[in-house]
Amino acid sequence: MSSAKPVTDQEWDAEVIASDTPVLVDFWAEWCGPCRMVGPVVDEIADEKAGTLKVLKLNVDDNPEVARKYRVMSIPTLMVFSGGDERKRIVGAQGKAQLLAAVEDALA
């Protein structure tokens, strides 16, 4: 079971844009090999940052509207949102240290 909560197109505004807590969103798909490599790292970050960072996963195949709106062209793409605004975008598989550094940088 993933520690990162799934989010849908319909839940996007309530879960991400209106969130009082910064949000890390993992844009992924079932068929994407690099996404499967990043998934466990995203789950670890969700566990470690619980309470200070909301971590969500958006399946781009099942939820194309948000992916299209944010022009997600390749996956995995991870985005950090704060105050409803995109603060950082990370494209491609990254290690945990790089992801954490990007999140910290986006929220500084």
PDB file of N, CA and C in Angstrom:
ATOM      1  N   MET A   1       0.848  -1.187   0.000  1.00  0.00           N
ATOM      2  CA  MET A   1       0.000   0.000   0.000  1.00  0.00           C
ATOM      3  C   MET A   1       0.886   1.240   0.000  1.00  0.00           C
ATOM      4  N   SER A   2       0.578   2.134  -0.895  1.00  0.00           N
ATOM      5  CA  SER A   2       1.351   3.361  -1.043  1.00  0.00           C
ATOM      6  C   SER A   2       1.061   4.337   0.097  1.00  0.00           C
ATOM      7  N   SER A   3       2.108   4.990   0.566  1.00  0.00           N
ATOM      8  CA  SER A   3       1.938   6.032   1.581  1.00  0.00           C
ATOM      9  C   SER A   3       1.445   7.330   0.949  1.00  0.00           C
ATOM     10  N   ALA A   4       1.779   7.517  -0.321  1.00  0.00           N
ATOM     11  CA  ALA A   4       1.304   8.691  -1.048  1.00  0.00           C
ATOM     12  C   ALA A   4      -0.128   8.417  -1.501  1.00  0.00           C
ATOM     13  N   LYS A   5      -0.995   9.370  -1.252  1.00  0.00           N
ATOM     14  CA  LYS A   5      -2.417   9.211  -1.548  1.00  0.00           C
ATOM     15  C   LYS A   5      -2.697   9.501  -3.020  1.00  0.00           C
ATOM     16  N   PRO A   6      -3.515   8.676  -3.675  1.00  0.00           N
ATOM     17  CA  PRO A   6      -3.898   8.989  -5.056  1.00  0.00           C
ATOM     18  C   PRO A   6      -4.788  10.232  -5.099  1.00  0.00           C
ATOM     19  N   VAL A   7      -4.659  10.996  -6.167  1.00  0.00           N
ATOM     20  CA  VAL A   7      -5.500  12.164  -6.379  1.00  0.00           C
ATOM     21  C   VAL A   7      -6.039  12.095  -7.809  1.00  0.00           C
ATOM     22  N   THR A   8      -7.253  12.595  -8.003  1.00  0.00           N
ATOM     23  CA  THR A   8      -7.881  12.568  -9.322  1.00  0.00           C
ATOM     24  C   THR A   8      -8.053  13.985  -9.854  1.00  0.00           C
ATOM     25  N   ASP A   9      -8.427  14.066 -11.130  1.00  0.00           N
ATOM     26  CA  ASP A   9      -8.732  15.366 -11.727  1.00  0.00           C
ATOM     27  C   ASP A   9      -9.786  16.100 -10.902  1.00  0.00           C
ATOM     28  N   GLN A  10     -10.810  15.366 -10.461  1.00  0.00           N
ATOM     29  CA  GLN A  10     -11.922  15.966  -9.736  1.00  0.00           C
ATOM     30  C   GLN A  10     -11.508  16.460  -8.340  1.00  0.00           C
ATOM     31  N   GLU A  11     -10.533  15.830  -7.728  1.00  0.00           N
ATOM     32  CA  GLU A  11     -10.081  16.203  -6.380  1.00  0.00           C
ATOM     33  C   GLU A  11      -8.965  17.242  -6.384  1.00  0.00           C
ATOM     34  N   TRP A  12      -8.402  17.526  -7.559  1.00  0.00           N
ATOM     35  CA  TRP A  12      -7.198  18.341  -7.678  1.00  0.00           C
ATOM     36  C   TRP A  12      -7.277  19.667  -6.918  1.00  0.00           C
ATOM     37  N   ASP A  13      -8.311  20.459  -7.202  1.00  0.00           N
ATOM     38  CA  ASP A  13      -8.389  21.788  -6.577  1.00  0.00           C
ATOM     39  C   ASP A  13      -8.448  21.700  -5.058  1.00  0.00           C
ATOM     40  N   ALA A  14      -9.254  20.777  -4.546  1.00  0.00           N
ATOM     41  CA  ALA A  14      -9.397  20.650  -3.089  1.00  0.00           C
ATOM     42  C   ALA A  14      -8.131  20.106  -2.437  1.00  0.00           C
ATOM     43  N   GLU A  15      -7.503  19.122  -3.067  1.00  0.00           N
ATOM     44  CA  GLU A  15      -6.347  18.449  -2.467  1.00  0.00           C
ATOM     45  C   GLU A  15      -5.024  19.195  -2.671  1.00  0.00           C
ATOM     46  N   VAL A  16      -4.895  19.918  -3.788  1.00  0.00           N
ATOM     47  CA  VAL A  16      -3.609  20.555  -4.115  1.00  0.00           C
ATOM     48  C   VAL A  16      -3.701  22.079  -4.044  1.00  0.00           C
ATOM     49  N   ILE A  17      -4.565  22.652  -4.841  1.00  0.00           N
ATOM     50  CA  ILE A  17      -4.633  24.117  -4.944  1.00  0.00           C
ATOM     51  C   ILE A  17      -5.065  24.757  -3.628  1.00  0.00           C
ATOM     52  N   ALA A  18      -6.041  24.165  -2.953  1.00  0.00           N
ATOM     53  CA  ALA A  18      -6.563  24.742  -1.708  1.00  0.00           C
ATOM     54  C   ALA A  18      -5.848  24.231  -0.455  1.00  0.00           C
ATOM     55  N   SER A  19      -4.810  23.424  -0.619  1.00  0.00           N
ATOM     56  CA  SER A  19      -4.126  22.833   0.528  1.00  0.00           C
ATOM     57  C   SER A  19      -3.381  23.886   1.348  1.00  0.00           C
ATOM     58  N   ASP A  20      -3.547  23.803   2.667  1.00  0.00           N
ATOM     59  CA  ASP A  20      -2.802  24.676   3.575  1.00  0.00           C
ATOM     60  C   ASP A  20      -1.365  24.200   3.737  1.00  0.00           C
ATOM     61  N   THR A  21      -1.129  22.944   3.398  1.00  0.00           N
ATOM     62  CA  THR A  21       0.182  22.314   3.532  1.00  0.00           C
ATOM     63  C   THR A  21       0.839  22.245   2.152  1.00  0.00           C
ATOM     64  N   PRO A  22       2.149  22.422   2.054  1.00  0.00           N
ATOM     65  CA  PRO A  22       2.811  22.208   0.760  1.00  0.00           C
ATOM     66  C   PRO A  22       2.533  20.789   0.254  1.00  0.00           C
ATOM     67  N   VAL A  23       2.504  20.647  -1.071  1.00  0.00           N
ATOM     68  CA  VAL A  23       2.134  19.373  -1.691  1.00  0.00           C
ATOM     69  C   VAL A  23       3.193  18.956  -2.706  1.00  0.00           C
ATOM     70  N   LEU A  24       3.581  17.673  -2.633  1.00  0.00           N
ATOM     71  CA  LEU A  24       4.433  17.058  -3.645  1.00  0.00           C
ATOM     72  C   LEU A  24       3.541  16.113  -4.431  1.00  0.00           C
ATOM     73  N   VAL A  25       3.467  16.310  -5.760  1.00  0.00           N
ATOM     74  CA  VAL A  25       2.633  15.460  -6.601  1.00  0.00           C
ATOM     75  C   VAL A  25       3.522  14.672  -7.558  1.00  0.00           C
ATOM     76  N   ASP A  26       3.321  13.360  -7.565  1.00  0.00           N
ATOM     77  CA  ASP A  26       4.021  12.448  -8.468  1.00  0.00           C
ATOM     78  C   ASP A  26       3.082  12.127  -9.621  1.00  0.00           C
ATOM     79  N   PHE A  27       3.402  12.645 -10.818  1.00  0.00           N
ATOM     80  CA  PHE A  27       2.662  12.315 -12.029  1.00  0.00           C
ATOM     81  C   PHE A  27       3.275  11.038 -12.596  1.00  0.00           C
ATOM     82  N   TRP A  28       2.476   9.976 -12.735  1.00  0.00           N
ATOM     83  CA  TRP A  28       3.009   8.664 -13.080  1.00  0.00           C
ATOM     84  C   TRP A  28       2.002   7.888 -13.920  1.00  0.00           C
ATOM     85  N   ALA A  29       2.419   6.711 -14.390  1.00  0.00           N
ATOM     86  CA  ALA A  29       1.530   5.762 -15.070  1.00  0.00           C
ATOM     87  C   ALA A  29       2.006   4.349 -14.753  1.00  0.00           C
ATOM     88  N   GLU A  30       1.067   3.430 -14.777  1.00  0.00           N
ATOM     89  CA  GLU A  30       1.337   2.025 -14.450  1.00  0.00           C
ATOM     90  C   GLU A  30       2.425   1.412 -15.334  1.00  0.00           C
ATOM     91  N   TRP A  31       2.440   1.747 -16.610  1.00  0.00           N
ATOM     92  CA  TRP A  31       3.348   1.152 -17.597  1.00  0.00           C
ATOM     93  C   TRP A  31       4.757   1.759 -17.585  1.00  0.00           C
ATOM     94  N   CYS A  32       4.967   2.806 -16.796  1.00  0.00           N
ATOM     95  CA  CYS A  32       6.219   3.574 -16.807  1.00  0.00           C
ATOM     96  C   CYS A  32       7.251   2.957 -15.857  1.00  0.00           C
ATOM     97  N   GLY A  33       8.312   2.383 -16.417  1.00  0.00           N
ATOM     98  CA  GLY A  33       9.372   1.772 -15.614  1.00  0.00           C
ATOM     99  C   GLY A  33      10.032   2.733 -14.638  1.00  0.00           C
ATOM    100  N   PRO A  34      10.495   3.907 -15.103  1.00  0.00           N
ATOM    101  CA  PRO A  34      11.105   4.861 -14.176  1.00  0.00           C
ATOM    102  C   PRO A  34      10.136   5.309 -13.067  1.00  0.00           C
ATOM    103  N   CYS A  35       8.841   5.360 -13.394  1.00  0.00           N
ATOM    104  CA  CYS A  35       7.843   5.725 -12.369  1.00  0.00           C
ATOM    105  C   CYS A  35       7.820   4.681 -11.257  1.00  0.00           C
ATOM    106  N   ARG A  36       7.932   3.413 -11.637  1.00  0.00           N
ATOM    107  CA  ARG A  36       7.935   2.338 -10.635  1.00  0.00           C
ATOM    108  C   ARG A  36       9.200   2.400  -9.776  1.00  0.00           C
ATOM    109  N   MET A  37      10.291   2.910 -10.328  1.00  0.00           N
ATOM    110  CA  MET A  37      11.524   3.072  -9.543  1.00  0.00           C
ATOM    111  C   MET A  37      11.386   4.232  -8.551  1.00  0.00           C
ATOM    112  N   VAL A  38      10.737   5.304  -8.953  1.00  0.00           N
ATOM    113  CA  VAL A  38      10.594   6.486  -8.109  1.00  0.00           C
ATOM    114  C   VAL A  38       9.510   6.286  -7.050  1.00  0.00           C
ATOM    115  N   GLY A  39       8.508   5.471  -7.338  1.00  0.00           N
ATOM    116  CA  GLY A  39       7.378   5.274  -6.435  1.00  0.00           C
ATOM    117  C   GLY A  39       7.750   4.994  -4.989  1.00  0.00           C
ATOM    118  N   PRO A  40       8.623   4.009  -4.727  1.00  0.00           N
ATOM    119  CA  PRO A  40       8.992   3.733  -3.334  1.00  0.00           C
ATOM    120  C   PRO A  40       9.699   4.909  -2.657  1.00  0.00           C
ATOM    121  N   VAL A  41      10.464   5.672  -3.410  1.00  0.00           N
ATOM    122  CA  VAL A  41      11.143   6.848  -2.859  1.00  0.00           C
ATOM    123  C   VAL A  41      10.112   7.901  -2.466  1.00  0.00           C
ATOM    124  N   VAL A  42       9.114   8.082  -3.316  1.00  0.00           N
ATOM    125  CA  VAL A  42       8.039   9.036  -3.020  1.00  0.00           C
ATOM    126  C   VAL A  42       7.289   8.593  -1.763  1.00  0.00           C
ATOM    127  N   ASP A  43       7.053   7.293  -1.623  1.00  0.00           N
ATOM    128  CA  ASP A  43       6.385   6.773  -0.427  1.00  0.00           C
ATOM    129  C   ASP A  43       7.215   7.025   0.833  1.00  0.00           C
ATOM    130  N   GLU A  44       8.529   6.850   0.733  1.00  0.00           N
ATOM    131  CA  GLU A  44       9.405   7.132   1.883  1.00  0.00           C
ATOM    132  C   GLU A  44       9.317   8.601   2.283  1.00  0.00           C
ATOM    133  N   ILE A  45       9.327   9.474   1.291  1.00  0.00           N
ATOM    134  CA  ILE A  45       9.223  10.908   1.573  1.00  0.00           C
ATOM    135  C   ILE A  45       7.874  11.200   2.231  1.00  0.00           C
ATOM    136  N   ALA A  46       6.806  10.566   1.755  1.00  0.00           N
ATOM    137  CA  ALA A  46       5.477  10.749   2.354  1.00  0.00           C
ATOM    138  C   ALA A  46       5.488  10.365   3.825  1.00  0.00           C
ATOM    139  N   ASP A  47       6.137   9.247   4.144  1.00  0.00           N
ATOM    140  CA  ASP A  47       6.211   8.799   5.539  1.00  0.00           C
ATOM    141  C   ASP A  47       7.040   9.770   6.384  1.00  0.00           C
ATOM    142  N   GLU A  48       8.196  10.172   5.862  1.00  0.00           N
ATOM    143  CA  GLU A  48       9.113  11.018   6.623  1.00  0.00           C
ATOM    144  C   GLU A  48       8.590  12.440   6.821  1.00  0.00           C
ATOM    145  N   LYS A  49       7.847  12.943   5.858  1.00  0.00           N
ATOM    146  CA  LYS A  49       7.392  14.341   5.899  1.00  0.00           C
ATOM    147  C   LYS A  49       5.919  14.459   6.301  1.00  0.00           C
ATOM    148  N   ALA A  50       5.323  13.363   6.774  1.00  0.00           N
ATOM    149  CA  ALA A  50       3.911  13.396   7.181  1.00  0.00           C
ATOM    150  C   ALA A  50       3.677  14.536   8.157  1.00  0.00           C
ATOM    151  N   GLY A  51       2.634  15.319   7.896  1.00  0.00           N
ATOM    152  CA  GLY A  51       2.315  16.446   8.759  1.00  0.00           C
ATOM    153  C   GLY A  51       2.869  17.765   8.261  1.00  0.00           C
ATOM    154  N   THR A  52       3.977  17.724   7.513  1.00  0.00           N
ATOM    155  CA  THR A  52       4.558  18.968   7.004  1.00  0.00           C
ATOM    156  C   THR A  52       4.501  19.057   5.485  1.00  0.00           C
ATOM    157  N   LEU A  53       4.286  17.916   4.819  1.00  0.00           N
ATOM    158  CA  LEU A  53       4.223  17.865   3.362  1.00  0.00           C
ATOM    159  C   LEU A  53       3.185  16.822   2.969  1.00  0.00           C
ATOM    160  N   LYS A  54       2.226  17.234   2.168  1.00  0.00           N
ATOM    161  CA  LYS A  54       1.239  16.291   1.633  1.00  0.00           C
ATOM    162  C   LYS A  54       1.841  15.690   0.370  1.00  0.00           C
ATOM    163  N   VAL A  55       1.809  14.357   0.246  1.00  0.00           N
ATOM    164  CA  VAL A  55       2.375  13.686  -0.918  1.00  0.00           C
ATOM    165  C   VAL A  55       1.261  12.928  -1.632  1.00  0.00           C
ATOM    166  N   LEU A  56       1.082  13.263  -2.908  1.00  0.00           N
ATOM    167  CA  LEU A  56       0.006  12.687  -3.711  1.00  0.00           C
ATOM    168  C   LEU A  56       0.557  12.090  -4.996  1.00  0.00           C
ATOM    169  N   LYS A  57      -0.192  11.131  -5.570  1.00  0.00           N
ATOM    170  CA  LYS A  57       0.165  10.537  -6.859  1.00  0.00           C
ATOM    171  C   LYS A  57      -1.001  10.701  -7.816  1.00  0.00           C
ATOM    172  N   LEU A  58      -0.709  11.206  -9.014  1.00  0.00           N
ATOM    173  CA  LEU A  58      -1.730  11.367 -10.032  1.00  0.00           C
ATOM    174  C   LEU A  58      -1.386  10.478 -11.217  1.00  0.00           C
ATOM    175  N   ASN A  59      -2.245   9.495 -11.489  1.00  0.00           N
ATOM    176  CA  ASN A  59      -2.066   8.603 -12.634  1.00  0.00           C
ATOM    177  C   ASN A  59      -2.502   9.369 -13.886  1.00  0.00           C
ATOM    178  N   VAL A  60      -1.550   9.657 -14.772  1.00  0.00           N
ATOM    179  CA  VAL A  60      -1.839  10.492 -15.944  1.00  0.00           C
ATOM    180  C   VAL A  60      -2.757   9.803 -16.945  1.00  0.00           C
ATOM    181  N   ASP A  61      -2.777   8.477 -16.969  1.00  0.00           N
ATOM    182  CA  ASP A  61      -3.678   7.760 -17.876  1.00  0.00           C
ATOM    183  C   ASP A  61      -5.130   7.889 -17.416  1.00  0.00           C
ATOM    184  N   ASP A  62      -5.349   7.829 -16.112  1.00  0.00           N
ATOM    185  CA  ASP A  62      -6.700   7.913 -15.555  1.00  0.00           C
ATOM    186  C   ASP A  62      -7.173   9.345 -15.353  1.00  0.00           C
ATOM    187  N   ASN A  63      -6.239  10.290 -15.301  1.00  0.00           N
ATOM    188  CA  ASN A  63      -6.552  11.695 -14.994  1.00  0.00           C
ATOM    189  C   ASN A  63      -5.815  12.638 -15.945  1.00  0.00           C
ATOM    190  N   PRO A  64      -6.213  12.650 -17.205  1.00  0.00           N
ATOM    191  CA  PRO A  64      -5.461  13.425 -18.199  1.00  0.00           C
ATOM    192  C   PRO A  64      -5.657  14.942 -18.117  1.00  0.00           C
ATOM    193  N   GLU A  65      -6.745  15.405 -17.502  1.00  0.00           N
ATOM    194  CA  GLU A  65      -7.018  16.846 -17.502  1.00  0.00           C
ATOM    195  C   GLU A  65      -5.944  17.642 -16.775  1.00  0.00           C
ATOM    196  N   VAL A  66      -5.586  17.215 -15.565  1.00  0.00           N
ATOM    197  CA  VAL A  66      -4.570  17.943 -14.790  1.00  0.00           C
ATOM    198  C   VAL A  66      -3.207  17.832 -15.469  1.00  0.00           C
ATOM    199  N   ALA A  67      -2.881  16.649 -15.966  1.00  0.00           N
ATOM    200  CA  ALA A  67      -1.598  16.471 -16.661  1.00  0.00           C
ATOM    201  C   ALA A  67      -1.511  17.407 -17.871  1.00  0.00           C
ATOM    202  N   ARG A  68      -2.606  17.533 -18.591  1.00  0.00           N
ATOM    203  CA  ARG A  68      -2.635  18.421 -19.764  1.00  0.00           C
ATOM    204  C   ARG A  68      -2.534  19.882 -19.319  1.00  0.00           C
ATOM    205  N   LYS A  69      -3.254  20.259 -18.271  1.00  0.00           N
ATOM    206  CA  LYS A  69      -3.253  21.638 -17.784  1.00  0.00           C
ATOM    207  C   LYS A  69      -1.846  22.096 -17.395  1.00  0.00           C
ATOM    208  N   TYR A  70      -1.077  21.189 -16.768  1.00  0.00           N
ATOM    209  CA  TYR A  70       0.278  21.533 -16.323  1.00  0.00           C
ATOM    210  C   TYR A  70       1.351  21.125 -17.325  1.00  0.00           C
ATOM    211  N   ARG A  71       0.919  20.731 -18.511  1.00  0.00           N
ATOM    212  CA  ARG A  71       1.825  20.385 -19.614  1.00  0.00           C
ATOM    213  C   ARG A  71       2.862  19.341 -19.202  1.00  0.00           C
ATOM    214  N   VAL A  72       2.381  18.278 -18.570  1.00  0.00           N
ATOM    215  CA  VAL A  72       3.255  17.165 -18.216  1.00  0.00           C
ATOM    216  C   VAL A  72       3.475  16.354 -19.491  1.00  0.00           C
ATOM    217  N   MET A  73       4.691  16.427 -20.028  1.00  0.00           N
ATOM    218  CA  MET A  73       5.001  15.798 -21.304  1.00  0.00           C
ATOM    219  C   MET A  73       5.722  14.459 -21.154  1.00  0.00           C
ATOM    220  N   SER A  74       6.407  14.286 -20.040  1.00  0.00           N
ATOM    221  CA  SER A  74       7.070  13.007 -19.792  1.00  0.00           C
ATOM    222  C   SER A  74       6.951  12.674 -18.314  1.00  0.00           C
ATOM    223  N   ILE A  75       6.976  11.386 -18.053  1.00  0.00           N
ATOM    224  CA  ILE A  75       6.833  10.926 -16.673  1.00  0.00           C
ATOM    225  C   ILE A  75       8.002  10.021 -16.320  1.00  0.00           C
ATOM    226  N   PRO A  76       8.363   9.934 -15.058  1.00  0.00           N
ATOM    227  CA  PRO A  76       7.753  10.640 -13.947  1.00  0.00           C
ATOM    228  C   PRO A  76       8.079  12.131 -13.955  1.00  0.00           C
ATOM    229  N   THR A  77       7.082  12.907 -13.580  1.00  0.00           N
ATOM    230  CA  THR A  77       7.263  14.328 -13.289  1.00  0.00           C
ATOM    231  C   THR A  77       6.758  14.537 -11.880  1.00  0.00           C
ATOM    232  N   LEU A  78       7.548  15.198 -11.065  1.00  0.00           N
ATOM    233  CA  LEU A  78       7.137  15.526  -9.705  1.00  0.00           C
ATOM    234  C   LEU A  78       7.078  17.036  -9.583  1.00  0.00           C
ATOM    235  N   MET A  79       6.010  17.523  -8.970  1.00  0.00           N
ATOM    236  CA  MET A  79       5.843  18.967  -8.793  1.00  0.00           C
ATOM    237  C   MET A  79       5.589  19.279  -7.327  1.00  0.00           C
ATOM    238  N   VAL A  80       6.156  20.402  -6.900  1.00  0.00           N
ATOM    239  CA  VAL A  80       5.921  20.898  -5.547  1.00  0.00           C
ATOM    240  C   VAL A  80       5.017  22.115  -5.666  1.00  0.00           C
ATOM    241  N   PHE A  81       3.918  22.095  -4.909  1.00  0.00           N
ATOM    242  CA  PHE A  81       2.973  23.202  -4.872  1.00  0.00           C
ATOM    243  C   PHE A  81       2.941  23.777  -3.455  1.00  0.00           C
ATOM    244  N   SER A  82       2.830  25.086  -3.393  1.00  0.00           N
ATOM    245  CA  SER A  82       2.668  25.758  -2.107  1.00  0.00           C
ATOM    246  C   SER A  82       1.767  26.959  -2.347  1.00  0.00           C
ATOM    247  N   GLY A  83       0.750  27.112  -1.512  1.00  0.00           N
ATOM    248  CA  GLY A  83      -0.179  28.211  -1.697  1.00  0.00           C
ATOM    249  C   GLY A  83      -0.925  28.140  -3.010  1.00  0.00           C
ATOM    250  N   GLY A  84      -1.074  26.937  -3.563  1.00  0.00           N
ATOM    251  CA  GLY A  84      -1.783  26.752  -4.819  1.00  0.00           C
ATOM    252  C   GLY A  84      -0.944  26.967  -6.063  1.00  0.00           C
ATOM    253  N   ASP A  85       0.313  27.370  -5.887  1.00  0.00           N
ATOM    254  CA  ASP A  85       1.192  27.648  -7.020  1.00  0.00           C
ATOM    255  C   ASP A  85       2.269  26.573  -7.173  1.00  0.00           C
ATOM    256  N   GLU A  86       2.612  26.290  -8.428  1.00  0.00           N
ATOM    257  CA  GLU A  86       3.714  25.366  -8.701  1.00  0.00           C
ATOM    258  C   GLU A  86       5.013  26.068  -8.330  1.00  0.00           C
ATOM    259  N   ARG A  87       5.804  25.439  -7.460  1.00  0.00           N
ATOM    260  CA  ARG A  87       7.075  26.018  -7.009  1.00  0.00           C
ATOM    261  C   ARG A  87       8.284  25.339  -7.641  1.00  0.00           C
ATOM    262  N   LYS A  88       8.117  24.065  -7.996  1.00  0.00           N
ATOM    263  CA  LYS A  88       9.259  23.306  -8.530  1.00  0.00           C
ATOM    264  C   LYS A  88       8.729  22.162  -9.370  1.00  0.00           C
ATOM    265  N   ARG A  89       9.474  21.824 -10.429  1.00  0.00           N
ATOM    266  CA  ARG A  89       9.134  20.701 -11.297  1.00  0.00           C
ATOM    267  C   ARG A  89      10.393  19.864 -11.492  1.00  0.00           C
ATOM    268  N   ILE A  90      10.276  18.579 -11.241  1.00  0.00           N
ATOM    269  CA  ILE A  90      11.382  17.645 -11.404  1.00  0.00           C
ATOM    270  C   ILE A  90      10.937  16.607 -12.429  1.00  0.00           C
ATOM    271  N   VAL A  91      11.646  16.525 -13.547  1.00  0.00           N
ATOM    272  CA  VAL A  91      11.274  15.592 -14.605  1.00  0.00           C
ATOM    273  C   VAL A  91      12.303  14.472 -14.659  1.00  0.00           C
ATOM    274  N   GLY A  92      11.812  13.231 -14.651  1.00  0.00           N
ATOM    275  CA  GLY A  92      12.687  12.065 -14.718  1.00  0.00           C
ATOM    276  C   GLY A  92      12.941  11.484 -13.339  1.00  0.00           C
ATOM    277  N   ALA A  93      13.456  10.264 -13.368  1.00  0.00           N
ATOM    278  CA  ALA A  93      13.734   9.549 -12.118  1.00  0.00           C
ATOM    279  C   ALA A  93      14.889  10.221 -11.384  1.00  0.00           C
ATOM    280  N   GLN A  94      14.690  10.473 -10.108  1.00  0.00           N
ATOM    281  CA  GLN A  94      15.703  11.077  -9.252  1.00  0.00           C
ATOM    282  C   GLN A  94      15.823  10.244  -7.993  1.00  0.00           C
ATOM    283  N   GLY A  95      16.955  10.321  -7.358  1.00  0.00           N
ATOM    284  CA  GLY A  95      17.151   9.645  -6.088  1.00  0.00           C
ATOM    285  C   GLY A  95      16.497  10.423  -4.960  1.00  0.00           C
ATOM    286  N   LYS A  96      16.416   9.784  -3.807  1.00  0.00           N
ATOM    287  CA  LYS A  96      15.755  10.392  -2.651  1.00  0.00           C
ATOM    288  C   LYS A  96      16.428  11.703  -2.238  1.00  0.00           C
ATOM    289  N   ALA A  97      17.738  11.725  -2.188  1.00  0.00           N
ATOM    290  CA  ALA A  97      18.454  12.939  -1.769  1.00  0.00           C
ATOM    291  C   ALA A  97      18.145  14.101  -2.711  1.00  0.00           C
ATOM    292  N   GLN A  98      18.139  13.823  -4.014  1.00  0.00           N
ATOM    293  CA  GLN A  98      17.850  14.877  -4.991  1.00  0.00           C
ATOM    294  C   GLN A  98      16.412  15.377  -4.861  1.00  0.00           C
ATOM    295  N   LEU A  99      15.469  14.458  -4.649  1.00  0.00           N
ATOM    296  CA  LEU A  99      14.076  14.854  -4.498  1.00  0.00           C
ATOM    297  C   LEU A  99      13.867  15.689  -3.238  1.00  0.00           C
ATOM    298  N   LEU A 100      14.456  15.234  -2.129  1.00  0.00           N
ATOM    299  CA  LEU A 100      14.326  15.992  -0.883  1.00  0.00           C
ATOM    300  C   LEU A 100      14.945  17.379  -1.013  1.00  0.00           C
ATOM    301  N   ALA A 101      16.095  17.462  -1.663  1.00  0.00           N
ATOM    302  CA  ALA A 101      16.754  18.759  -1.870  1.00  0.00           C
ATOM    303  C   ALA A 101      15.877  19.682  -2.714  1.00  0.00           C
ATOM    304  N   ALA A 102      15.255  19.133  -3.739  1.00  0.00           N
ATOM    305  CA  ALA A 102      14.378  19.930  -4.606  1.00  0.00           C
ATOM    306  C   ALA A 102      13.162  20.425  -3.836  1.00  0.00           C
ATOM    307  N   VAL A 103      12.590  19.566  -2.994  1.00  0.00           N
ATOM    308  CA  VAL A 103      11.439  19.952  -2.182  1.00  0.00           C
ATOM    309  C   VAL A 103      11.833  21.060  -1.212  1.00  0.00           C
ATOM    310  N   GLU A 104      12.947  20.873  -0.522  1.00  0.00           N
ATOM    311  CA  GLU A 104      13.410  21.879   0.440  1.00  0.00           C
ATOM    312  C   GLU A 104      13.688  23.208  -0.261  1.00  0.00           C
ATOM    313  N   ASP A 105      14.319  23.138  -1.430  1.00  0.00           N
ATOM    314  CA  ASP A 105      14.633  24.338  -2.203  1.00  0.00           C
ATOM    315  C   ASP A 105      13.357  25.065  -2.611  1.00  0.00           C
ATOM    316  N   ALA A 106      12.350  24.312  -3.045  1.00  0.00           N
ATOM    317  CA  ALA A 106      11.085  24.908  -3.490  1.00  0.00           C
ATOM    318  C   ALA A 106      10.355  25.595  -2.360  1.00  0.00           C
ATOM    319  N   LEU A 107      10.526  25.097  -1.153  1.00  0.00           N
ATOM    320  CA  LEU A 107       9.790  25.630  -0.015  1.00  0.00           C
ATOM    321  C   LEU A 107      10.574  26.641   0.804  1.00  0.00           C
ATOM    322  N   ALA A 108      11.825  26.887   0.412  1.00  0.00           N
ATOM    323  CA  ALA A 108      12.675  27.841   1.149  1.00  0.00           C
ATOM    324  C   ALA A 108      12.224  29.264   0.936  1.00  0.00           C
TER     325      ALA A 108
END
